[in-house]
Amino acid sequence: MMPTEPARDLAHQLSHAERLLSAWMSALLETEQCTLEEWRVLKILSDGQGHIMTEIAEFAMLPAPTLTKLMDRMVSAGLVYRRADDRDRRRVLAYLAEHGRALYERAAALLAGAEAELAARLGDTADLTRWLTRLADVLATPLAADCPAIV
């Protein structure tokens, strides 16, 4: 008799799905010689607004020292550049370089096509997106007096 697998709780299910999705995205991005972490940096910088490192780190879900090393590599590769903020010379903003914009556009098209295929296999992904957004919002506020918010 085979032992039964224990039921997965919500956190386990979400972690499992996130790992599978990250591996899937990483495999797709590999065709463009781009990592998932680089993709996240390219994505936030794609708005052309320029962003400070703390904003990029939060969006990319990377600790500051890891992001600094990644940004240094991306600058060396000609994907991004840093410039002092015109309004506050003490702040440094990061932007997409021309080569980074081209990589972003290729990778975005690749991922959009793959995500459309995934959405077709799932059915309507609007509900999933809405639920995940709500879950993140709820977790960002305290659930009870003895349960702190996670941000």
C-alpha atoms as a PDB file:
ATOM      1  CA  MET A   1       0.000   0.000   0.000  1.00  0.00           C
ATOM      2  CA  MET A   2       1.399   3.391  -1.040  1.00  0.00           C
ATOM      3  CA  PRO A   3       1.513   6.067   1.634  1.00  0.00           C
ATOM      4  CA  THR A   4      -0.764   8.986   0.884  1.00  0.00           C
ATOM      5  CA  GLU A   5       0.698  12.408   0.355  1.00  0.00           C
ATOM      6  CA  PRO A   6      -0.298  14.890   3.064  1.00  0.00           C
ATOM      7  CA  ALA A   7      -2.735  17.590   2.024  1.00  0.00           C
ATOM      8  CA  ARG A   8      -1.025  20.780   0.976  1.00  0.00           C
ATOM      9  CA  ASP A   9      -1.987  23.938   2.811  1.00  0.00           C
ATOM     10  CA  LEU A  10      -2.531  27.230   0.984  1.00  0.00           C
ATOM     11  CA  ALA A  11       1.039  28.460   1.489  1.00  0.00           C
ATOM     12  CA  HIS A  12       2.419  25.182   0.169  1.00  0.00           C
ATOM     13  CA  GLN A  13       0.142  25.241  -2.870  1.00  0.00           C
ATOM     14  CA  LEU A  14       1.052  28.842  -3.683  1.00  0.00           C
ATOM     15  CA  SER A  15       4.770  28.172  -3.228  1.00  0.00           C
ATOM     16  CA  HIS A  16       4.569  25.105  -5.434  1.00  0.00           C
ATOM     17  CA  ALA A  17       2.712  27.006  -8.178  1.00  0.00           C
ATOM     18  CA  GLU A  18       5.149  29.939  -7.914  1.00  0.00           C
ATOM     19  CA  ARG A  19       8.167  27.647  -8.280  1.00  0.00           C
ATOM     20  CA  LEU A  20       6.662  25.953 -11.326  1.00  0.00           C
ATOM     21  CA  LEU A  21       5.719  29.304 -12.879  1.00  0.00           C
ATOM     22  CA  SER A  22       9.165  30.781 -12.161  1.00  0.00           C
ATOM     23  CA  ALA A  23      10.883  27.745 -13.707  1.00  0.00           C
ATOM     24  CA  TRP A  24       8.613  27.988 -16.754  1.00  0.00           C
ATOM     25  CA  MET A  25       9.309  31.724 -17.178  1.00  0.00           C
ATOM     26  CA  SER A  26      13.039  31.199 -16.622  1.00  0.00           C
ATOM     27  CA  ALA A  27      13.143  28.564 -19.356  1.00  0.00           C
ATOM     28  CA  LEU A  28      11.379  30.927 -21.767  1.00  0.00           C
ATOM     29  CA  LEU A  29      13.636  33.854 -20.868  1.00  0.00           C
ATOM     30  CA  GLU A  30      16.736  31.702 -21.272  1.00  0.00           C
ATOM     31  CA  THR A  31      16.153  31.790 -25.038  1.00  0.00           C
ATOM     32  CA  GLU A  32      16.887  35.537 -24.802  1.00  0.00           C
ATOM     33  CA  GLN A  33      19.826  35.014 -22.409  1.00  0.00           C
ATOM     34  CA  CYS A  34      17.784  36.773 -19.715  1.00  0.00           C
ATOM     35  CA  THR A  35      17.189  35.670 -16.133  1.00  0.00           C
ATOM     36  CA  LEU A  36      13.902  36.075 -14.276  1.00  0.00           C
ATOM     37  CA  GLU A  37      15.550  38.626 -11.972  1.00  0.00           C
ATOM     38  CA  GLU A  38      16.824  40.618 -14.963  1.00  0.00           C
ATOM     39  CA  TRP A  39      13.341  40.442 -16.491  1.00  0.00           C
ATOM     40  CA  ARG A  40      11.816  41.966 -13.378  1.00  0.00           C
ATOM     41  CA  VAL A  41      14.331  44.824 -13.489  1.00  0.00           C
ATOM     42  CA  LEU A  42      13.668  45.369 -17.193  1.00  0.00           C
ATOM     43  CA  LYS A  43       9.917  45.314 -16.548  1.00  0.00           C
ATOM     44  CA  ILE A  44       9.904  48.022 -13.876  1.00  0.00           C
ATOM     45  CA  LEU A  45      12.285  50.200 -15.894  1.00  0.00           C
ATOM     46  CA  SER A  46      10.213  49.779 -19.069  1.00  0.00           C
ATOM     47  CA  ASP A  47       7.978  52.705 -18.095  1.00  0.00           C
ATOM     48  CA  GLY A  48      10.867  55.088 -18.845  1.00  0.00           C
ATOM     49  CA  GLN A  49      10.329  56.996 -15.609  1.00  0.00           C
ATOM     50  CA  GLY A  50      13.586  56.085 -13.909  1.00  0.00           C
ATOM     51  CA  HIS A  51      13.487  54.314 -10.564  1.00  0.00           C
ATOM     52  CA  ILE A  52      15.542  54.333  -7.393  1.00  0.00           C
ATOM     53  CA  MET A  53      17.142  51.131  -6.218  1.00  0.00           C
ATOM     54  CA  THR A  54      14.686  50.577  -3.348  1.00  0.00           C
ATOM     55  CA  GLU A  55      11.738  50.631  -5.775  1.00  0.00           C
ATOM     56  CA  ILE A  56      13.509  48.215  -8.099  1.00  0.00           C
ATOM     57  CA  ALA A  57      14.481  45.888  -5.246  1.00  0.00           C
ATOM     58  CA  GLU A  58      10.900  45.775  -3.983  1.00  0.00           C
ATOM     59  CA  PHE A  59       9.463  45.097  -7.445  1.00  0.00           C
ATOM     60  CA  ALA A  60      12.122  42.496  -8.307  1.00  0.00           C
ATOM     61  CA  MET A  61      11.774  40.909  -4.860  1.00  0.00           C
ATOM     62  CA  LEU A  62      15.519  41.013  -4.306  1.00  0.00           C
ATOM     63  CA  PRO A  63      17.581  42.059  -1.297  1.00  0.00           C
ATOM     64  CA  ALA A  64      19.468  45.319  -1.898  1.00  0.00           C
ATOM     65  CA  PRO A  65      22.976  43.754  -2.061  1.00  0.00           C
ATOM     66  CA  THR A  66      21.809  41.181  -4.626  1.00  0.00           C
ATOM     67  CA  LEU A  67      20.137  43.881  -6.705  1.00  0.00           C
ATOM     68  CA  THR A  68      23.284  46.023  -6.613  1.00  0.00           C
ATOM     69  CA  LYS A  69      25.358  43.170  -8.046  1.00  0.00           C
ATOM     70  CA  LEU A  70      22.691  42.434 -10.654  1.00  0.00           C
ATOM     71  CA  MET A  71      22.458  46.101 -11.658  1.00  0.00           C
ATOM     72  CA  ASP A  72      26.251  46.299 -11.971  1.00  0.00           C
ATOM     73  CA  ARG A  73      26.166  43.325 -14.376  1.00  0.00           C
ATOM     74  CA  MET A  74      23.271  44.837 -16.310  1.00  0.00           C
ATOM     75  CA  VAL A  75      25.104  48.164 -16.626  1.00  0.00           C
ATOM     76  CA  SER A  76      28.204  46.328 -17.873  1.00  0.00           C
ATOM     77  CA  ALA A  77      26.047  44.466 -20.414  1.00  0.00           C
ATOM     78  CA  GLY A  78      24.594  47.746 -21.682  1.00  0.00           C
ATOM     79  CA  LEU A  79      21.051  46.905 -20.574  1.00  0.00           C
ATOM     80  CA  VAL A  80      20.544  49.716 -18.068  1.00  0.00           C
ATOM     81  CA  TYR A  81      22.218  52.930 -17.026  1.00  0.00           C
ATOM     82  CA  ARG A  82      22.188  55.078 -13.906  1.00  0.00           C
ATOM     83  CA  ARG A  83      21.825  58.830 -13.775  1.00  0.00           C
ATOM     84  CA  ALA A  84      21.521  61.377 -10.983  1.00  0.00           C
ATOM     85  CA  ASP A  85      17.963  62.610 -10.471  1.00  0.00           C
ATOM     86  CA  ASP A  86      17.542  66.091 -11.965  1.00  0.00           C
ATOM     87  CA  ARG A  87      15.346  67.143  -9.020  1.00  0.00           C
ATOM     88  CA  ASP A  88      17.547  65.685  -6.261  1.00  0.00           C
ATOM     89  CA  ARG A  89      21.176  65.145  -7.242  1.00  0.00           C
ATOM     90  CA  ARG A  90      21.682  62.839  -4.223  1.00  0.00           C
ATOM     91  CA  ARG A  91      19.309  60.256  -5.723  1.00  0.00           C
ATOM     92  CA  VAL A  92      20.381  57.929  -8.494  1.00  0.00           C
ATOM     93  CA  LEU A  93      17.776  56.691 -10.954  1.00  0.00           C
ATOM     94  CA  ALA A  94      18.058  53.650 -13.203  1.00  0.00           C
ATOM     95  CA  TYR A  95      16.770  53.559 -16.787  1.00  0.00           C
ATOM     96  CA  LEU A  96      16.656  51.089 -19.653  1.00  0.00           C
ATOM     97  CA  ALA A  97      19.423  51.526 -22.180  1.00  0.00           C
ATOM     98  CA  GLU A  98      18.636  50.986 -25.873  1.00  0.00           C
ATOM     99  CA  HIS A  99      19.902  47.392 -25.705  1.00  0.00           C
ATOM    100  CA  GLY A 100      17.818  46.802 -22.562  1.00  0.00           C
ATOM    101  CA  ARG A 101      14.699  48.218 -24.258  1.00  0.00           C
ATOM    102  CA  ALA A 102      15.195  45.831 -27.196  1.00  0.00           C
ATOM    103  CA  LEU A 103      15.636  42.871 -24.821  1.00  0.00           C
ATOM    104  CA  TYR A 104      12.581  43.941 -22.837  1.00  0.00           C
ATOM    105  CA  GLU A 105      10.433  44.126 -25.980  1.00  0.00           C
ATOM    106  CA  ARG A 106      11.552  40.703 -27.228  1.00  0.00           C
ATOM    107  CA  ALA A 107      11.077  39.075 -23.819  1.00  0.00           C
ATOM    108  CA  ALA A 108       7.723  40.804 -23.235  1.00  0.00           C
ATOM    109  CA  ALA A 109       6.409  39.491 -26.559  1.00  0.00           C
ATOM    110  CA  LEU A 110       7.694  36.003 -25.779  1.00  0.00           C
ATOM    111  CA  LEU A 111       6.121  35.965 -22.316  1.00  0.00           C
ATOM    112  CA  ALA A 112       2.851  37.515 -23.507  1.00  0.00           C
ATOM    113  CA  GLY A 113       2.413  34.739 -26.061  1.00  0.00           C
ATOM    114  CA  ALA A 114       3.219  32.048 -23.526  1.00  0.00           C
ATOM    115  CA  GLU A 115       0.945  33.625 -20.901  1.00  0.00           C
ATOM    116  CA  ALA A 116      -1.900  33.763 -23.442  1.00  0.00           C
ATOM    117  CA  GLU A 117      -1.428  30.045 -24.059  1.00  0.00           C
ATOM    118  CA  LEU A 118      -1.386  29.385 -20.313  1.00  0.00           C
ATOM    119  CA  ALA A 119      -4.514  31.519 -19.843  1.00  0.00           C
ATOM    120  CA  ALA A 120      -6.261  29.505 -22.560  1.00  0.00           C
ATOM    121  CA  ARG A 121      -5.366  26.288 -20.743  1.00  0.00           C
ATOM    122  CA  LEU A 122      -6.578  27.690 -17.415  1.00  0.00           C
ATOM    123  CA  GLY A 123      -9.706  29.315 -18.716  1.00  0.00           C
ATOM    124  CA  ASP A 124     -10.464  32.788 -17.386  1.00  0.00           C
ATOM    125  CA  THR A 125      -7.415  34.068 -15.471  1.00  0.00           C
ATOM    126  CA  ALA A 126      -9.176  37.260 -14.355  1.00  0.00           C
ATOM    127  CA  ASP A 127     -10.580  35.439 -11.313  1.00  0.00           C
ATOM    128  CA  LEU A 128      -7.158  34.084 -10.393  1.00  0.00           C
ATOM    129  CA  THR A 129      -5.555  37.516 -10.729  1.00  0.00           C
ATOM    130  CA  ARG A 130      -8.317  39.102  -8.667  1.00  0.00           C
ATOM    131  CA  TRP A 131      -8.000  36.477  -5.913  1.00  0.00           C
ATOM    132  CA  LEU A 132      -4.209  36.736  -5.750  1.00  0.00           C
ATOM    133  CA  THR A 133      -4.422  40.535  -5.576  1.00  0.00           C
ATOM    134  CA  ARG A 134      -6.996  40.301  -2.793  1.00  0.00           C
ATOM    135  CA  LEU A 135      -4.864  37.752  -0.928  1.00  0.00           C
ATOM    136  CA  ALA A 136      -1.821  40.048  -1.099  1.00  0.00           C
ATOM    137  CA  ASP A 137      -3.914  43.016   0.083  1.00  0.00           C
ATOM    138  CA  VAL A 138      -5.340  41.054   3.006  1.00  0.00           C
ATOM    139  CA  LEU A 139      -1.901  39.778   4.022  1.00  0.00           C
ATOM    140  CA  ALA A 140      -0.519  43.326   3.936  1.00  0.00           C
ATOM    141  CA  THR A 141      -2.912  44.278   6.775  1.00  0.00           C
ATOM    142  CA  PRO A 142      -3.110  42.626  10.197  1.00  0.00           C
ATOM    143  CA  LEU A 143      -5.451  39.632  10.320  1.00  0.00           C
ATOM    144  CA  ALA A 144      -5.783  39.824  14.107  1.00  0.00           C
ATOM    145  CA  ALA A 145      -4.181  41.642  17.016  1.00  0.00           C
ATOM    146  CA  ASP A 146      -1.615  38.850  17.467  1.00  0.00           C
ATOM    147  CA  CYS A 147      -0.946  38.410  13.723  1.00  0.00           C
ATOM    148  CA  PRO A 148       1.158  41.223  12.230  1.00  0.00           C
ATOM    149  CA  ALA A 149       0.865  42.483   8.675  1.00  0.00           C
ATOM    150  CA  ILE A 150       3.433  41.129   6.234  1.00  0.00           C
ATOM    151  CA  VAL A 151       4.859  43.709   3.842  1.00  0.00           C
END
